[in-house]
């Protein structure tokens, strides 16, 4: 199930689909536990579909506009981005053997 197909559905349809997917997820888990599920990938697929539906319902309840794929040219974005000036790296301090032995004694 694609998210683009789900975006075309109404809120009522999505709620019905959510209920049926939740039921299917439970049934698949139960069948897997009793060794009656032939295709165990159905568990993962139904869970992902359920997550898609829940995400769309939350987007619509929050009033967020539907996400549209961005088709901005990559070259223009790369040209605008300037690299930050590199800061000089501070030399790492090494512990000497004398400091280690002093630490062990205390």
C-alpha atoms as a PDB file:
ATOM      1  CA  UNK A   1       0.000   0.000   0.000  1.00  0.00           C
ATOM      2  CA  UNK A   2       1.477   3.300  -1.082  1.00  0.00           C
ATOM      3  CA  UNK A   3       1.201   6.532   0.858  1.00  0.00           C
ATOM      4  CA  UNK A   4       0.098   8.366  -2.298  1.00  0.00           C
ATOM      5  CA  UNK A   5      -2.905   6.001  -2.565  1.00  0.00           C
ATOM      6  CA  UNK A   6      -3.711   6.561   1.097  1.00  0.00           C
ATOM      7  CA  UNK A   7      -3.594  10.354   0.748  1.00  0.00           C
ATOM      8  CA  UNK A   8      -6.519  10.206  -1.668  1.00  0.00           C
ATOM      9  CA  UNK A   9      -8.787   8.523   0.906  1.00  0.00           C
ATOM     10  CA  UNK A  10     -11.065  10.328   3.321  1.00  0.00           C
ATOM     11  CA  UNK A  11     -10.563  10.410   7.083  1.00  0.00           C
ATOM     12  CA  UNK A  12     -13.434   7.953   7.609  1.00  0.00           C
ATOM     13  CA  UNK A  13     -11.918   5.501   5.138  1.00  0.00           C
ATOM     14  CA  UNK A  14      -8.551   5.812   6.856  1.00  0.00           C
ATOM     15  CA  UNK A  15     -10.107   5.109  10.261  1.00  0.00           C
ATOM     16  CA  UNK A  16     -11.813   1.989   8.915  1.00  0.00           C
ATOM     17  CA  UNK A  17      -8.555   0.888   7.319  1.00  0.00           C
ATOM     18  CA  UNK A  18      -6.727   1.522  10.600  1.00  0.00           C
ATOM     19  CA  UNK A  19      -9.157  -0.730  12.466  1.00  0.00           C
ATOM     20  CA  UNK A  20      -8.889  -3.517   9.900  1.00  0.00           C
ATOM     21  CA  UNK A  21      -5.077  -3.316   9.800  1.00  0.00           C
ATOM     22  CA  UNK A  22      -4.892  -3.428  13.594  1.00  0.00           C
ATOM     23  CA  UNK A  23      -7.112  -6.512  13.535  1.00  0.00           C
ATOM     24  CA  UNK A  24      -4.984  -8.091  10.763  1.00  0.00           C
ATOM     25  CA  UNK A  25      -1.780  -7.386  12.682  1.00  0.00           C
ATOM     26  CA  UNK A  26      -3.185  -9.116  15.745  1.00  0.00           C
ATOM     27  CA  UNK A  27      -4.422 -12.078  13.702  1.00  0.00           C
ATOM     28  CA  UNK A  28      -1.059 -12.468  11.961  1.00  0.00           C
ATOM     29  CA  UNK A  29       0.797 -12.410  15.276  1.00  0.00           C
ATOM     30  CA  UNK A  30      -1.588 -14.982  16.719  1.00  0.00           C
ATOM     31  CA  UNK A  31      -1.248 -17.234  13.672  1.00  0.00           C
ATOM     32  CA  UNK A  32       2.532 -16.923  13.830  1.00  0.00           C
ATOM     33  CA  UNK A  33       2.519 -17.912  17.496  1.00  0.00           C
ATOM     34  CA  UNK A  34       0.451 -21.013  16.721  1.00  0.00           C
ATOM     35  CA  UNK A  35       2.569 -21.848  13.632  1.00  0.00           C
ATOM     36  CA  UNK A  36      -0.323 -21.356  11.205  1.00  0.00           C
ATOM     37  CA  UNK A  37       1.119 -18.328   9.382  1.00  0.00           C
ATOM     38  CA  UNK A  38       2.871 -19.340   6.166  1.00  0.00           C
ATOM     39  CA  UNK A  39       4.255 -15.935   5.170  1.00  0.00           C
ATOM     40  CA  UNK A  40       5.766 -14.281   8.231  1.00  0.00           C
ATOM     41  CA  UNK A  41       6.579 -11.132   6.260  1.00  0.00           C
ATOM     42  CA  UNK A  42       2.866 -10.260   6.484  1.00  0.00           C
ATOM     43  CA  UNK A  43       3.407  -9.199  10.098  1.00  0.00           C
ATOM     44  CA  UNK A  44       5.924  -6.549   9.122  1.00  0.00           C
ATOM     45  CA  UNK A  45       3.956  -5.419   6.065  1.00  0.00           C
ATOM     46  CA  UNK A  46       0.728  -4.900   7.974  1.00  0.00           C
ATOM     47  CA  UNK A  47       2.533  -3.066  10.773  1.00  0.00           C
ATOM     48  CA  UNK A  48       4.115  -0.679   8.259  1.00  0.00           C
ATOM     49  CA  UNK A  49       0.803  -0.101   6.508  1.00  0.00           C
ATOM     50  CA  UNK A  50      -0.821   0.591   9.866  1.00  0.00           C
ATOM     51  CA  UNK A  51       1.929   3.086  10.692  1.00  0.00           C
ATOM     52  CA  UNK A  52       1.356   4.863   7.363  1.00  0.00           C
ATOM     53  CA  UNK A  53      -2.356   5.182   8.052  1.00  0.00           C
ATOM     54  CA  UNK A  54      -1.781   6.452  11.601  1.00  0.00           C
ATOM     55  CA  UNK A  55       0.735   8.994  10.312  1.00  0.00           C
ATOM     56  CA  UNK A  56      -1.720  10.320   7.735  1.00  0.00           C
ATOM     57  CA  UNK A  57      -4.471  10.568  10.337  1.00  0.00           C
ATOM     58  CA  UNK A  58      -2.190  12.536  12.653  1.00  0.00           C
ATOM     59  CA  UNK A  59      -1.146  14.838   9.829  1.00  0.00           C
ATOM     60  CA  UNK A  60      -4.755  15.583   9.011  1.00  0.00           C
ATOM     61  CA  UNK A  61      -5.736  16.101  12.642  1.00  0.00           C
ATOM     62  CA  UNK A  62      -2.862  18.553  13.118  1.00  0.00           C
ATOM     63  CA  UNK A  63      -3.902  20.446  10.008  1.00  0.00           C
ATOM     64  CA  UNK A  64      -0.521  20.061   8.392  1.00  0.00           C
ATOM     65  CA  UNK A  65      -0.513  20.353   4.614  1.00  0.00           C
ATOM     66  CA  UNK A  66       0.178  17.076   2.831  1.00  0.00           C
ATOM     67  CA  UNK A  67       3.845  16.475   2.220  1.00  0.00           C
ATOM     68  CA  UNK A  68       4.774  17.091  -1.403  1.00  0.00           C
ATOM     69  CA  UNK A  69       7.989  15.740  -2.863  1.00  0.00           C
ATOM     70  CA  UNK A  70      10.580  18.465  -3.311  1.00  0.00           C
ATOM     71  CA  UNK A  71      11.912  18.780  -6.841  1.00  0.00           C
ATOM     72  CA  UNK A  72      14.491  21.508  -6.270  1.00  0.00           C
ATOM     73  CA  UNK A  73      17.606  21.357  -8.435  1.00  0.00           C
ATOM     74  CA  UNK A  74      20.487  19.851  -6.534  1.00  0.00           C
ATOM     75  CA  UNK A  75      23.141  21.921  -8.309  1.00  0.00           C
ATOM     76  CA  UNK A  76      21.547  25.209  -7.215  1.00  0.00           C
ATOM     77  CA  UNK A  77      21.373  24.091  -3.611  1.00  0.00           C
ATOM     78  CA  UNK A  78      24.990  22.957  -3.669  1.00  0.00           C
ATOM     79  CA  UNK A  79      26.126  26.271  -5.170  1.00  0.00           C
ATOM     80  CA  UNK A  80      24.396  28.279  -2.441  1.00  0.00           C
ATOM     81  CA  UNK A  81      25.850  26.228   0.404  1.00  0.00           C
ATOM     82  CA  UNK A  82      29.228  27.569   1.456  1.00  0.00           C
ATOM     83  CA  UNK A  83      31.569  25.431   3.520  1.00  0.00           C
ATOM     84  CA  UNK A  84      32.242  26.694   7.032  1.00  0.00           C
ATOM     85  CA  UNK A  85      35.801  27.805   7.753  1.00  0.00           C
ATOM     86  CA  UNK A  86      37.776  25.043   9.392  1.00  0.00           C
ATOM     87  CA  UNK A  87      38.789  25.689  12.987  1.00  0.00           C
ATOM     88  CA  UNK A  88      42.357  24.766  13.944  1.00  0.00           C
ATOM     89  CA  UNK A  89      42.411  21.448  15.751  1.00  0.00           C
ATOM     90  CA  UNK A  90      43.848  21.507  19.247  1.00  0.00           C
ATOM     91  CA  UNK A  91      46.592  18.936  19.857  1.00  0.00           C
ATOM     92  CA  UNK A  92      45.528  16.048  22.056  1.00  0.00           C
ATOM     93  CA  UNK A  93      47.256  15.775  25.389  1.00  0.00           C
ATOM     94  CA  UNK A  94      48.735  12.423  26.217  1.00  0.00           C
ATOM     95  CA  UNK A  95      49.079  11.055  29.694  1.00  0.00           C
ATOM     96  CA  UNK A  96      52.566  10.086  30.604  1.00  0.00           C
ATOM     97  CA  UNK A  97      53.519   6.951  32.443  1.00  0.00           C
ATOM     98  CA  UNK A  98      54.377   9.005  35.558  1.00  0.00           C
ATOM     99  CA  UNK A  99      50.891  10.515  35.703  1.00  0.00           C
ATOM    100  CA  UNK A 100      49.300   7.076  35.337  1.00  0.00           C
ATOM    101  CA  UNK A 101      51.327   5.648  38.180  1.00  0.00           C
ATOM    102  CA  UNK A 102      50.472   8.635  40.388  1.00  0.00           C
ATOM    103  CA  UNK A 103      46.796   8.134  39.656  1.00  0.00           C
ATOM    104  CA  UNK A 104      47.008   4.460  40.626  1.00  0.00           C
ATOM    105  CA  UNK A 105      48.702   5.264  43.943  1.00  0.00           C
ATOM    106  CA  UNK A 106      46.080   7.796  45.040  1.00  0.00           C
END
